[in-house]
Amino acid sequence: MKNITRLCSSKPTVTVNGRYPGPTIYAREDDTLLIKVVNHVKYNVSIHWHGVRQVRTGWADGPAYITQCPIQPGQVYTYNYTLTGQRGTLWWHAHILWLRATVYGAIVILPKRGVPYPFPKPDHEKVIVLGIVLSHV
C-alpha cells in the first residue's frame, strides 16, 4: 500500500514494488518467465498476462477462481510460462476485484536475438501505459 496522489487527492493504493502503474517487464520471444508474486496486502490477488498465449500453461493465466486460486495475503506464487511465438507490447494486470484499477503494467516481448523487427528500426521506443484515476478505494 502506498498513498498515491492524482487530481489533487491522495488515496491508499495497492502498488507493485511501490509503483503505480507497476514495472514494465522486458523479455524476448521464447524466453521462459519466472515471476514471483508476494502478496503483502490484505486482499487476495492474481495476475493475468493479458494477450500472452498460454501454451500448456493455463494455470499461469491468472483469472482467480478460474485458472488459479488467488494468492492470499502473506502468500507467494511463482508464475512460470514461456513466451511462444509472440512479440510486441502487451500488459499484465490483477484479475480480481477492484485491484484491476491499480495493479497493472506493460510486458514488452522483444524478438529473439538476431531476428529483426518486421519494420525499420525506430530511433527510440517509449512504453505508454494508460490507466484510470482512483475515485474511491
Protein backbone atom coordinates (compact mmCIF):
# COMPACT_ATOMS: atom_id res chain seq x y z
CA MET A 1 0.00 0.00 0.00
CA LYS A 2 1.19 3.47 -0.83
CA ASN A 3 -0.53 6.85 -0.86
CA ILE A 4 -0.92 7.91 -4.49
CA THR A 5 -1.96 11.44 -5.44
CA ARG A 6 -3.99 12.04 -8.58
CA LEU A 7 -6.12 15.10 -9.36
CA CYS A 8 -5.17 16.75 -6.05
CA SER A 9 -6.43 13.82 -3.97
CA SER A 10 -4.38 11.17 -2.16
CA LYS A 11 -5.64 7.62 -1.63
CA PRO A 12 -4.03 4.50 -0.17
CA THR A 13 -3.41 2.32 -3.20
CA VAL A 14 -2.22 -1.22 -3.81
CA THR A 15 1.01 -0.94 -5.82
CA VAL A 16 3.62 -3.31 -7.24
CA ASN A 17 7.08 -2.76 -5.76
CA GLY A 18 5.79 0.65 -4.62
CA ARG A 19 4.98 1.69 -8.18
CA TYR A 20 1.70 2.71 -9.80
CA PRO A 21 1.49 1.61 -12.53
CA GLY A 22 3.73 -1.36 -11.88
CA PRO A 23 7.06 -2.07 -13.55
CA THR A 24 7.47 -2.87 -17.22
CA ILE A 25 8.65 -6.43 -17.83
CA TYR A 26 11.08 -6.91 -20.73
CA ALA A 27 11.64 -10.35 -22.25
CA ARG A 28 12.39 -11.99 -25.58
CA GLU A 29 10.33 -14.34 -27.71
CA ASP A 30 10.84 -17.93 -26.47
CA ASP A 31 12.05 -16.78 -23.01
CA THR A 32 10.65 -18.66 -20.05
CA LEU A 33 9.48 -16.23 -17.38
CA LEU A 34 9.50 -16.97 -13.67
CA ILE A 35 7.70 -14.13 -11.91
CA LYS A 36 7.43 -14.39 -8.13
CA VAL A 37 4.45 -12.57 -6.64
CA VAL A 38 4.49 -11.97 -2.88
CA ASN A 39 1.17 -10.68 -1.56
CA HIS A 40 1.87 -8.05 1.10
CA VAL A 41 -1.68 -6.63 1.24
CA LYS A 42 -4.88 -7.74 2.95
CA TYR A 43 -6.63 -8.62 -0.33
CA ASN A 44 -6.46 -11.75 -2.46
CA VAL A 45 -4.70 -11.14 -5.77
CA SER A 46 -3.86 -12.87 -9.03
CA ILE A 47 -2.07 -11.58 -12.14
CA HIS A 48 -3.35 -12.03 -15.70
CA TRP A 49 -0.85 -11.75 -18.56
CA HIS A 50 -3.19 -10.03 -21.00
CA GLY A 51 -2.69 -11.26 -24.55
CA VAL A 52 0.10 -13.70 -23.69
CA ARG A 53 -0.57 -17.09 -25.25
CA GLN A 54 -0.56 -19.73 -22.55
CA VAL A 55 0.62 -22.85 -24.39
CA ARG A 56 0.18 -25.77 -21.97
CA THR A 57 0.47 -23.36 -19.01
CA GLY A 58 -3.16 -22.40 -18.40
CA TRP A 59 -2.53 -22.37 -14.63
CA ALA A 60 -0.31 -19.30 -15.20
CA ASP A 61 -3.03 -17.29 -16.96
CA GLY A 62 -4.21 -15.57 -13.78
CA PRO A 63 -8.02 -15.33 -13.61
CA ALA A 64 -8.77 -16.01 -9.94
CA TYR A 65 -11.09 -18.93 -9.26
CA ILE A 66 -10.91 -19.93 -12.95
CA THR A 67 -7.32 -20.90 -13.79
CA GLN A 68 -5.82 -20.50 -10.32
CA CYS A 69 -6.67 -19.92 -6.71
CA PRO A 70 -5.97 -16.32 -5.71
CA ILE A 71 -2.75 -15.54 -3.88
CA GLN A 72 -3.90 -14.96 -0.32
CA PRO A 73 -2.43 -12.30 1.99
CA GLY A 74 1.06 -13.27 3.10
CA GLN A 75 1.35 -16.00 0.45
CA VAL A 76 3.66 -16.39 -2.56
CA TYR A 77 3.04 -17.70 -6.07
CA THR A 78 5.53 -18.02 -8.94
CA TYR A 79 4.16 -17.68 -12.46
CA ASN A 80 6.06 -19.90 -14.89
CA TYR A 81 5.40 -19.73 -18.63
CA THR A 82 7.19 -19.41 -21.98
CA LEU A 83 6.60 -16.61 -24.48
CA THR A 84 5.98 -18.78 -27.53
CA GLY A 85 5.60 -17.26 -30.99
CA GLN A 86 4.86 -13.74 -29.79
CA ARG A 87 6.44 -10.33 -29.82
CA GLY A 88 5.09 -6.88 -29.14
CA THR A 89 3.85 -4.82 -26.21
CA LEU A 90 1.12 -6.35 -24.08
CA TRP A 91 0.09 -5.75 -20.50
CA TRP A 92 -0.38 -7.55 -17.21
CA HIS A 93 -2.96 -6.74 -14.56
CA ALA A 94 -4.58 -8.02 -11.39
CA HIS A 95 -7.51 -10.24 -12.21
CA ILE A 96 -9.64 -9.94 -9.10
CA LEU A 97 -11.96 -7.29 -7.69
CA TRP A 98 -11.09 -3.62 -7.95
CA LEU A 99 -7.33 -4.34 -7.91
CA ARG A 100 -7.51 -4.29 -11.71
CA ALA A 101 -7.52 -0.50 -11.38
CA THR A 102 -4.17 -0.23 -9.62
CA VAL A 103 -2.14 -3.38 -10.18
CA TYR A 104 -1.01 -3.36 -13.81
CA GLY A 105 1.91 -2.67 -16.12
CA ALA A 106 3.38 -3.40 -19.54
CA ILE A 107 5.13 -6.53 -20.79
CA VAL A 108 7.41 -5.94 -23.77
CA ILE A 109 8.28 -9.05 -25.77
CA LEU A 110 11.28 -8.38 -27.99
CA PRO A 111 12.21 -10.58 -30.96
CA LYS A 112 14.75 -13.36 -30.44
CA ARG A 113 18.34 -12.13 -30.58
CA GLY A 114 19.43 -11.80 -34.20
CA VAL A 115 15.86 -11.67 -35.53
CA PRO A 116 14.97 -8.26 -36.99
CA TYR A 117 11.76 -6.36 -36.49
CA PRO A 118 9.37 -6.55 -39.50
CA PHE A 119 9.77 -2.76 -39.99
CA PRO A 120 12.65 -0.25 -40.00
CA LYS A 121 14.32 0.08 -36.62
CA PRO A 122 12.86 3.11 -34.75
CA ASP A 123 15.09 5.86 -33.38
CA HIS A 124 13.81 5.07 -29.88
CA GLU A 125 10.91 3.43 -28.11
CA LYS A 126 8.67 4.59 -25.27
CA VAL A 127 6.20 2.40 -23.36
CA ILE A 128 2.95 4.21 -22.56
CA VAL A 129 0.50 2.64 -20.12
CA LEU A 130 -2.90 4.28 -19.84
CA GLY A 131 -4.75 3.92 -16.57
CA ILE A 132 -7.62 5.26 -14.57
CA VAL A 133 -7.92 7.78 -11.80
CA LEU A 134 -8.96 6.33 -8.47
CA SER A 135 -12.06 7.89 -7.02
CA HIS A 136 -12.95 5.69 -4.05
CA VAL A 137 -10.90 2.75 -2.87
